[in-house]
mmCIF file of all heavy atoms, coordinates in Angstrom:
data_MODEL
# 
_entry.id   MODEL 
# 
loop_
_atom_site.group_PDB 
_atom_site.id 
_atom_site.type_symbol 
_atom_site.label_atom_id 
_atom_site.label_alt_id 
_atom_site.label_comp_id 
_atom_site.label_asym_id 
_atom_site.label_entity_id 
_atom_site.label_seq_id 
_atom_site.pdbx_PDB_ins_code 
_atom_site.Cartn_x 
_atom_site.Cartn_y 
_atom_site.Cartn_z 
_atom_site.occupancy 
_atom_site.B_iso_or_equiv 
_atom_site.pdbx_formal_charge 
_atom_site.auth_seq_id 
_atom_site.auth_comp_id 
_atom_site.auth_asym_id 
_atom_site.auth_atom_id 
_atom_site.pdbx_PDB_model_num 
ATOM 1   N N   . MET A 1 1  ? 169.254 129.460 135.889 1.00 0.00 ? 1  MET A N   1 
ATOM 2   C CA  . MET A 1 1  ? 169.435 130.106 137.197 1.00 0.00 ? 1  MET A CA  1 
ATOM 3   C C   . MET A 1 1  ? 168.612 129.358 138.251 1.00 0.00 ? 1  MET A C   1 
ATOM 4   O O   . MET A 1 1  ? 167.721 129.912 138.874 1.00 0.00 ? 1  MET A O   1 
ATOM 5   C CB  . MET A 1 1  ? 169.033 131.587 137.114 1.00 0.00 ? 1  MET A CB  1 
ATOM 6   C CG  . MET A 1 1  ? 169.932 132.410 136.231 1.00 0.00 ? 1  MET A CG  1 
ATOM 7   S SD  . MET A 1 1  ? 169.416 134.142 136.091 1.00 0.00 ? 1  MET A SD  1 
ATOM 8   C CE  . MET A 1 1  ? 169.983 134.785 137.644 1.00 0.00 ? 1  MET A CE  1 
ATOM 9   N N   . THR A 1 2  ? 168.955 128.093 138.443 1.00 0.00 ? 2  THR A N   1 
ATOM 10  C CA  . THR A 1 2  ? 168.131 127.231 139.295 1.00 0.00 ? 2  THR A CA  1 
ATOM 11  C C   . THR A 1 2  ? 168.454 127.341 140.778 1.00 0.00 ? 2  THR A C   1 
ATOM 12  O O   . THR A 1 2  ? 167.635 126.963 141.617 1.00 0.00 ? 2  THR A O   1 
ATOM 13  C CB  . THR A 1 2  ? 168.271 125.767 138.860 1.00 0.00 ? 2  THR A CB  1 
ATOM 14  O OG1 . THR A 1 2  ? 169.646 125.404 138.905 1.00 0.00 ? 2  THR A OG1 1 
ATOM 15  C CG2 . THR A 1 2  ? 167.735 125.574 137.445 1.00 0.00 ? 2  THR A CG2 1 
ATOM 16  N N   . THR A 1 3  ? 169.625 127.852 141.142 1.00 0.00 ? 3  THR A N   1 
ATOM 17  C CA  . THR A 1 3  ? 169.982 127.980 142.551 1.00 0.00 ? 3  THR A CA  1 
ATOM 18  C C   . THR A 1 3  ? 170.033 129.428 143.019 1.00 0.00 ? 3  THR A C   1 
ATOM 19  O O   . THR A 1 3  ? 170.359 129.689 144.181 1.00 0.00 ? 3  THR A O   1 
ATOM 20  C CB  . THR A 1 3  ? 171.340 127.316 142.840 1.00 0.00 ? 3  THR A CB  1 
ATOM 21  O OG1 . THR A 1 3  ? 172.347 127.966 142.073 1.00 0.00 ? 3  THR A OG1 1 
ATOM 22  C CG2 . THR A 1 3  ? 171.298 125.822 142.516 1.00 0.00 ? 3  THR A CG2 1 
ATOM 23  N N   . VAL A 1 4  ? 169.692 130.361 142.137 1.00 0.00 ? 4  VAL A N   1 
ATOM 24  C CA  . VAL A 1 4  ? 169.703 131.788 142.468 1.00 0.00 ? 4  VAL A CA  1 
ATOM 25  C C   . VAL A 1 4  ? 168.348 132.167 143.073 1.00 0.00 ? 4  VAL A C   1 
ATOM 26  O O   . VAL A 1 4  ? 167.310 131.880 142.478 1.00 0.00 ? 4  VAL A O   1 
ATOM 27  C CB  . VAL A 1 4  ? 169.965 132.644 141.202 1.00 0.00 ? 4  VAL A CB  1 
ATOM 28  C CG1 . VAL A 1 4  ? 169.900 134.128 141.528 1.00 0.00 ? 4  VAL A CG1 1 
ATOM 29  C CG2 . VAL A 1 4  ? 171.302 132.281 140.575 1.00 0.00 ? 4  VAL A CG2 1 
ATOM 30  N N   . PRO A 1 5  ? 168.328 132.810 144.241 1.00 0.00 ? 5  PRO A N   1 
ATOM 31  C CA  . PRO A 1 5  ? 167.056 133.285 144.777 1.00 0.00 ? 5  PRO A CA  1 
ATOM 32  C C   . PRO A 1 5  ? 166.475 134.369 143.863 1.00 0.00 ? 5  PRO A C   1 
ATOM 33  O O   . PRO A 1 5  ? 167.168 135.329 143.503 1.00 0.00 ? 5  PRO A O   1 
ATOM 34  C CB  . PRO A 1 5  ? 167.423 133.868 146.142 1.00 0.00 ? 5  PRO A CB  1 
ATOM 35  C CG  . PRO A 1 5  ? 168.735 133.256 146.491 1.00 0.00 ? 5  PRO A CG  1 
ATOM 36  C CD  . PRO A 1 5  ? 169.432 133.036 145.180 1.00 0.00 ? 5  PRO A CD  1 
ATOM 37  N N   . LEU A 1 6  ? 165.213 134.199 143.486 1.00 0.00 ? 6  LEU A N   1 
ATOM 38  C CA  . LEU A 1 6  ? 164.545 135.120 142.575 1.00 0.00 ? 6  LEU A CA  1 
ATOM 39  C C   . LEU A 1 6  ? 163.282 135.663 143.225 1.00 0.00 ? 6  LEU A C   1 
ATOM 40  O O   . LEU A 1 6  ? 162.600 134.942 143.956 1.00 0.00 ? 6  LEU A O   1 
ATOM 41  C CB  . LEU A 1 6  ? 164.163 134.402 141.275 1.00 0.00 ? 6  LEU A CB  1 
ATOM 42  C CG  . LEU A 1 6  ? 165.285 133.666 140.548 1.00 0.00 ? 6  LEU A CG  1 
ATOM 43  C CD1 . LEU A 1 6  ? 164.717 132.908 139.359 1.00 0.00 ? 6  LEU A CD1 1 
ATOM 44  C CD2 . LEU A 1 6  ? 166.371 134.629 140.111 1.00 0.00 ? 6  LEU A CD2 1 
ATOM 45  N N   . LEU A 1 7  ? 162.957 136.907 142.938 1.00 0.00 ? 7  LEU A N   1 
ATOM 46  C CA  . LEU A 1 7  ? 161.764 137.539 143.486 1.00 0.00 ? 7  LEU A CA  1 
ATOM 47  C C   . LEU A 1 7  ? 161.104 138.361 142.395 1.00 0.00 ? 7  LEU A C   1 
ATOM 48  O O   . LEU A 1 7  ? 161.800 139.083 141.656 1.00 0.00 ? 7  LEU A O   1 
ATOM 49  C CB  . LEU A 1 7  ? 162.143 138.447 144.664 1.00 0.00 ? 7  LEU A CB  1 
ATOM 50  C CG  . LEU A 1 7  ? 161.026 139.271 145.296 1.00 0.00 ? 7  LEU A CG  1 
ATOM 51  C CD1 . LEU A 1 7  ? 160.038 138.351 146.022 1.00 0.00 ? 7  LEU A CD1 1 
ATOM 52  C CD2 . LEU A 1 7  ? 161.592 140.297 146.254 1.00 0.00 ? 7  LEU A CD2 1 
ATOM 53  N N   . CYS A 1 8  ? 159.792 138.263 142.286 1.00 0.00 ? 8  CYS A N   1 
ATOM 54  C CA  . CYS A 1 8  ? 159.031 139.087 141.349 1.00 0.00 ? 8  CYS A CA  1 
ATOM 55  C C   . CYS A 1 8  ? 158.119 140.021 142.137 1.00 0.00 ? 8  CYS A C   1 
ATOM 56  O O   . CYS A 1 8  ? 157.561 139.643 143.162 1.00 0.00 ? 8  CYS A O   1 
ATOM 57  C CB  . CYS A 1 8  ? 158.177 138.223 140.429 1.00 0.00 ? 8  CYS A CB  1 
ATOM 58  S SG  . CYS A 1 8  ? 159.128 137.195 139.307 1.00 0.00 ? 8  CYS A SG  1 
ATOM 59  N N   . ALA A 1 9  ? 157.971 141.249 141.638 1.00 0.00 ? 9  ALA A N   1 
ATOM 60  C CA  . ALA A 1 9  ? 157.116 142.243 142.277 1.00 0.00 ? 9  ALA A CA  1 
ATOM 61  C C   . ALA A 1 9  ? 156.527 143.144 141.193 1.00 0.00 ? 9  ALA A C   1 
ATOM 62  O O   . ALA A 1 9  ? 156.938 143.097 140.036 1.00 0.00 ? 9  ALA A O   1 
ATOM 63  C CB  . ALA A 1 9  ? 157.920 143.070 143.274 1.00 0.00 ? 9  ALA A CB  1 
ATOM 64  N N   . ARG A 1 10 ? 155.583 143.963 141.602 1.00 0.00 ? 10 ARG A N   1 
ATOM 65  C CA  . ARG A 1 10 ? 154.985 144.932 140.691 1.00 0.00 ? 10 ARG A CA  1 
ATOM 66  C C   . ARG A 1 10 ? 155.701 146.265 140.801 1.00 0.00 ? 10 ARG A C   1 
ATOM 67  O O   . ARG A 1 10 ? 156.057 146.714 141.887 1.00 0.00 ? 10 ARG A O   1 
ATOM 68  C CB  . ARG A 1 10 ? 153.519 145.145 141.041 1.00 0.00 ? 10 ARG A CB  1 
ATOM 69  C CG  . ARG A 1 10 ? 152.635 144.127 140.447 1.00 0.00 ? 10 ARG A CG  1 
ATOM 70  C CD  . ARG A 1 10 ? 151.259 144.715 140.309 1.00 0.00 ? 10 ARG A CD  1 
ATOM 71  N NE  . ARG A 1 10 ? 150.502 143.879 139.406 1.00 0.00 ? 10 ARG A NE  1 
ATOM 72  C CZ  . ARG A 1 10 ? 149.214 143.710 139.500 1.00 0.00 ? 10 ARG A CZ  1 
ATOM 73  N NH1 . ARG A 1 10 ? 148.543 144.316 140.458 1.00 0.00 ? 10 ARG A NH1 1 
ATOM 74  N NH2 . ARG A 1 10 ? 148.591 142.959 138.645 1.00 0.00 ? 10 ARG A NH2 1 
ATOM 75  N N   . GLU A 1 11 ? 155.864 146.883 139.662 1.00 0.00 ? 11 GLU A N   1 
ATOM 76  C CA  . GLU A 1 11 ? 156.413 148.235 139.595 1.00 0.00 ? 11 GLU A CA  1 
ATOM 77  C C   . GLU A 1 11 ? 155.301 149.207 140.020 1.00 0.00 ? 11 GLU A C   1 
ATOM 78  O O   . GLU A 1 11 ? 154.127 148.950 139.771 1.00 0.00 ? 11 GLU A O   1 
ATOM 79  C CB  . GLU A 1 11 ? 156.840 148.515 138.148 1.00 0.00 ? 11 GLU A CB  1 
ATOM 80  C CG  . GLU A 1 11 ? 157.688 149.719 137.954 1.00 0.00 ? 11 GLU A CG  1 
ATOM 81  C CD  . GLU A 1 11 ? 159.105 149.561 138.490 1.00 0.00 ? 11 GLU A CD  1 
ATOM 82  O OE1 . GLU A 1 11 ? 159.637 148.446 138.522 1.00 0.00 ? 11 GLU A OE1 1 
ATOM 83  O OE2 . GLU A 1 11 ? 159.674 150.597 138.869 1.00 0.00 ? 11 GLU A OE2 1 
ATOM 84  N N   . ILE A 1 12 ? 155.655 150.309 140.663 1.00 0.00 ? 12 ILE A N   1 
ATOM 85  C CA  . ILE A 1 12 ? 154.610 151.267 141.027 1.00 0.00 ? 12 ILE A CA  1 
ATOM 86  C C   . ILE A 1 12 ? 154.049 151.896 139.757 1.00 0.00 ? 12 ILE A C   1 
ATOM 87  O O   . ILE A 1 12 ? 154.784 152.162 138.797 1.00 0.00 ? 12 ILE A O   1 
ATOM 88  C CB  . ILE A 1 12 ? 155.116 152.326 142.019 1.00 0.00 ? 12 ILE A CB  1 
ATOM 89  C CG1 . ILE A 1 12 ? 156.269 153.140 141.438 1.00 0.00 ? 12 ILE A CG1 1 
ATOM 90  C CG2 . ILE A 1 12 ? 155.504 151.692 143.337 1.00 0.00 ? 12 ILE A CG2 1 
ATOM 91  C CD1 . ILE A 1 12 ? 156.661 154.332 142.296 1.00 0.00 ? 12 ILE A CD1 1 
ATOM 92  N N   . PRO A 1 13 ? 152.733 152.103 139.703 1.00 0.00 ? 13 PRO A N   1 
ATOM 93  C CA  . PRO A 1 13 ? 152.091 152.602 138.477 1.00 0.00 ? 13 PRO A CA  1 
ATOM 94  C C   . PRO A 1 13 ? 152.192 154.130 138.335 1.00 0.00 ? 13 PRO A C   1 
ATOM 95  O O   . PRO A 1 13 ? 151.261 154.862 138.641 1.00 0.00 ? 13 PRO A O   1 
ATOM 96  C CB  . PRO A 1 13 ? 150.643 152.152 138.635 1.00 0.00 ? 13 PRO A CB  1 
ATOM 97  C CG  . PRO A 1 13 ? 150.425 152.096 140.112 1.00 0.00 ? 13 PRO A CG  1 
ATOM 98  C CD  . PRO A 1 13 ? 151.755 151.713 140.713 1.00 0.00 ? 13 PRO A CD  1 
ATOM 99  N N   . VAL A 1 14 ? 153.328 154.601 137.875 1.00 0.00 ? 14 VAL A N   1 
ATOM 100 C CA  . VAL A 1 14 ? 153.555 156.033 137.699 1.00 0.00 ? 14 VAL A CA  1 
ATOM 101 C C   . VAL A 1 14 ? 152.943 156.486 136.381 1.00 0.00 ? 14 VAL A C   1 
ATOM 102 O O   . VAL A 1 14 ? 153.190 155.876 135.328 1.00 0.00 ? 14 VAL A O   1 
ATOM 103 C CB  . VAL A 1 14 ? 155.061 156.356 137.737 1.00 0.00 ? 14 VAL A CB  1 
ATOM 104 C CG1 . VAL A 1 14 ? 155.324 157.820 137.424 1.00 0.00 ? 14 VAL A CG1 1 
ATOM 105 C CG2 . VAL A 1 14 ? 155.652 155.973 139.083 1.00 0.00 ? 14 VAL A CG2 1 
ATOM 106 N N   . THR A 1 15 ? 152.167 157.543 136.427 1.00 0.00 ? 15 THR A N   1 
ATOM 107 C CA  . THR A 1 15 ? 151.546 158.084 135.227 1.00 0.00 ? 15 THR A CA  1 
ATOM 108 C C   . THR A 1 15 ? 152.609 158.444 134.192 1.00 0.00 ? 15 THR A C   1 
ATOM 109 O O   . THR A 1 15 ? 153.596 159.108 134.507 1.00 0.00 ? 15 THR A O   1 
ATOM 110 C CB  . THR A 1 15 ? 150.717 159.342 135.573 1.00 0.00 ? 15 THR A CB  1 
ATOM 111 O OG1 . THR A 1 15 ? 149.754 158.996 136.562 1.00 0.00 ? 15 THR A OG1 1 
ATOM 112 C CG2 . THR A 1 15 ? 150.022 159.902 134.348 1.00 0.00 ? 15 THR A CG2 1 
ATOM 113 N N   . GLY A 1 16 ? 152.410 157.951 132.967 1.00 0.00 ? 16 GLY A N   1 
ATOM 114 C CA  . GLY A 1 16 ? 153.323 158.258 131.878 1.00 0.00 ? 16 GLY A CA  1 
ATOM 115 C C   . GLY A 1 16 ? 154.540 157.349 131.791 1.00 0.00 ? 16 GLY A C   1 
ATOM 116 O O   . GLY A 1 16 ? 155.373 157.537 130.911 1.00 0.00 ? 16 GLY A O   1 
ATOM 117 N N   . SER A 1 17 ? 154.646 156.379 132.691 1.00 0.00 ? 17 SER A N   1 
ATOM 118 C CA  . SER A 1 17 ? 155.809 155.490 132.628 1.00 0.00 ? 17 SER A CA  1 
ATOM 119 C C   . SER A 1 17 ? 155.672 154.479 131.492 1.00 0.00 ? 17 SER A C   1 
ATOM 120 O O   . SER A 1 17 ? 154.590 154.284 130.939 1.00 0.00 ? 17 SER A O   1 
ATOM 121 C CB  . SER A 1 17 ? 156.005 154.767 133.964 1.00 0.00 ? 17 SER A CB  1 
ATOM 122 O OG  . SER A 1 17 ? 154.897 153.943 134.246 1.00 0.00 ? 17 SER A OG  1 
ATOM 123 N N   . MET A 1 18 ? 156.779 153.840 131.152 1.00 0.00 ? 18 MET A N   1 
ATOM 124 C CA  . MET A 1 18 ? 156.814 152.883 130.054 1.00 0.00 ? 18 MET A CA  1 
ATOM 125 C C   . MET A 1 18 ? 155.872 151.707 130.340 1.00 0.00 ? 18 MET A C   1 
ATOM 126 O O   . MET A 1 18 ? 155.968 151.083 131.388 1.00 0.00 ? 18 MET A O   1 
ATOM 127 C CB  . MET A 1 18 ? 158.244 152.357 129.870 1.00 0.00 ? 18 MET A CB  1 
ATOM 128 C CG  . MET A 1 18 ? 158.377 151.386 128.716 1.00 0.00 ? 18 MET A CG  1 
ATOM 129 S SD  . MET A 1 18 ? 160.012 150.606 128.591 1.00 0.00 ? 18 MET A SD  1 
ATOM 130 C CE  . MET A 1 18 ? 161.105 151.996 128.650 1.00 0.00 ? 18 MET A CE  1 
ATOM 131 N N   . PRO A 1 19 ? 154.971 151.407 129.407 1.00 0.00 ? 19 PRO A N   1 
ATOM 132 C CA  . PRO A 1 19 ? 154.075 150.266 129.601 1.00 0.00 ? 19 PRO A CA  1 
ATOM 133 C C   . PRO A 1 19 ? 154.757 148.951 129.215 1.00 0.00 ? 19 PRO A C   1 
ATOM 134 O O   . PRO A 1 19 ? 155.811 148.950 128.576 1.00 0.00 ? 19 PRO A O   1 
ATOM 135 C CB  . PRO A 1 19 ? 152.918 150.565 128.649 1.00 0.00 ? 19 PRO A CB  1 
ATOM 136 C CG  . PRO A 1 19 ? 153.552 151.348 127.545 1.00 0.00 ? 19 PRO A CG  1 
ATOM 137 C CD  . PRO A 1 19 ? 154.643 152.163 128.201 1.00 0.00 ? 19 PRO A CD  1 
ATOM 138 N N   . LEU A 1 20 ? 154.145 147.835 129.629 1.00 0.00 ? 20 LEU A N   1 
ATOM 139 C CA  . LEU A 1 20 ? 154.586 146.495 129.233 1.00 0.00 ? 20 LEU A CA  1 
ATOM 140 C C   . LEU A 1 20 ? 156.086 146.300 129.483 1.00 0.00 ? 20 LEU A C   1 
ATOM 141 O O   . LEU A 1 20 ? 156.818 145.795 128.641 1.00 0.00 ? 20 LEU A O   1 
ATOM 142 C CB  . LEU A 1 20 ? 154.245 146.237 127.762 1.00 0.00 ? 20 LEU A CB  1 
ATOM 143 C CG  . LEU A 1 20 ? 152.755 146.338 127.405 1.00 0.00 ? 20 LEU A CG  1 
ATOM 144 C CD1 . LEU A 1 20 ? 152.566 146.417 125.897 1.00 0.00 ? 20 LEU A CD1 1 
ATOM 145 C CD2 . LEU A 1 20 ? 151.976 145.168 127.986 1.00 0.00 ? 20 LEU A CD2 1 
ATOM 146 N N   . CYS A 1 21 ? 156.529 146.692 130.660 1.00 0.00 ? 21 CYS A N   1 
ATOM 147 C CA  . CYS A 1 21 ? 157.959 146.735 130.967 1.00 0.00 ? 21 CYS A CA  1 
ATOM 148 C C   . CYS A 1 21 ? 158.348 145.712 132.030 1.00 0.00 ? 21 CYS A C   1 
ATOM 149 O O   . CYS A 1 21 ? 157.651 145.540 133.030 1.00 0.00 ? 21 CYS A O   1 
ATOM 150 C CB  . CYS A 1 21 ? 158.324 148.136 131.437 1.00 0.00 ? 21 CYS A CB  1 
ATOM 151 S SG  . CYS A 1 21 ? 160.084 148.387 131.675 1.00 0.00 ? 21 CYS A SG  1 
ATOM 152 N N   . ILE A 1 22 ? 159.476 145.071 131.802 1.00 0.00 ? 22 ILE A N   1 
ATOM 153 C CA  . ILE A 1 22 ? 160.082 144.134 132.739 1.00 0.00 ? 22 ILE A CA  1 
ATOM 154 C C   . ILE A 1 22 ? 161.402 144.749 133.175 1.00 0.00 ? 22 ILE A C   1 
ATOM 155 O O   . ILE A 1 22 ? 162.213 145.145 132.336 1.00 0.00 ? 22 ILE A O   1 
ATOM 156 C CB  . ILE A 1 22 ? 160.361 142.772 132.066 1.00 0.00 ? 22 ILE A CB  1 
ATOM 157 C CG1 . ILE A 1 22 ? 159.088 142.189 131.486 1.00 0.00 ? 22 ILE A CG1 1 
ATOM 158 C CG2 . ILE A 1 22 ? 161.049 141.811 133.039 1.00 0.00 ? 22 ILE A CG2 1 
ATOM 159 C CD1 . ILE A 1 22 ? 159.329 141.194 130.370 1.00 0.00 ? 22 ILE A CD1 1 
ATOM 160 N N   . ARG A 1 23 ? 161.615 144.819 134.478 1.00 0.00 ? 23 ARG A N   1 
ATOM 161 C CA  . ARG A 1 23 ? 162.872 145.333 135.008 1.00 0.00 ? 23 ARG A CA  1 
ATOM 162 C C   . ARG A 1 23 ? 163.519 144.261 135.874 1.00 0.00 ? 23 ARG A C   1 
ATOM 163 O O   . ARG A 1 23 ? 162.832 143.427 136.452 1.00 0.00 ? 23 ARG A O   1 
ATOM 164 C CB  . ARG A 1 23 ? 162.629 146.600 135.826 1.00 0.00 ? 23 ARG A CB  1 
ATOM 165 C CG  . ARG A 1 23 ? 162.181 147.777 134.988 1.00 0.00 ? 23 ARG A CG  1 
ATOM 166 C CD  . ARG A 1 23 ? 161.913 149.005 135.866 1.00 0.00 ? 23 ARG A CD  1 
ATOM 167 N NE  . ARG A 1 23 ? 161.627 150.175 135.071 1.00 0.00 ? 23 ARG A NE  1 
ATOM 168 C CZ  . ARG A 1 23 ? 160.420 150.503 134.610 1.00 0.00 ? 23 ARG A CZ  1 
ATOM 169 N NH1 . ARG A 1 23 ? 159.381 149.728 134.871 1.00 0.00 ? 23 ARG A NH1 1 
ATOM 170 N NH2 . ARG A 1 23 ? 160.250 151.586 133.886 1.00 0.00 ? 23 ARG A NH2 1 
ATOM 171 N N   . VAL A 1 24 ? 164.842 144.317 135.971 1.00 0.00 ? 24 VAL A N   1 
ATOM 172 C CA  . VAL A 1 24 ? 165.556 143.374 136.831 1.00 0.00 ? 24 VAL A CA  1 
ATOM 173 C C   . VAL A 1 24 ? 166.696 144.092 137.531 1.00 0.00 ? 24 VAL A C   1 
ATOM 174 O O   . VAL A 1 24 ? 167.314 145.010 136.971 1.00 0.00 ? 24 VAL A O   1 
ATOM 175 C CB  . VAL A 1 24 ? 166.084 142.150 136.048 1.00 0.00 ? 24 VAL A CB  1 
ATOM 176 C CG1 . VAL A 1 24 ? 167.156 142.543 135.047 1.00 0.00 ? 24 VAL A CG1 1 
ATOM 177 C CG2 . VAL A 1 24 ? 166.603 141.079 136.991 1.00 0.00 ? 24 VAL A CG2 1 
# 
């Protein structure tokens, strides 16, 4: 995916949410 614009951000830290998680 070399020509696709990509952005990384932090998920908000909600109490009890799934740890060690990557979302897209």
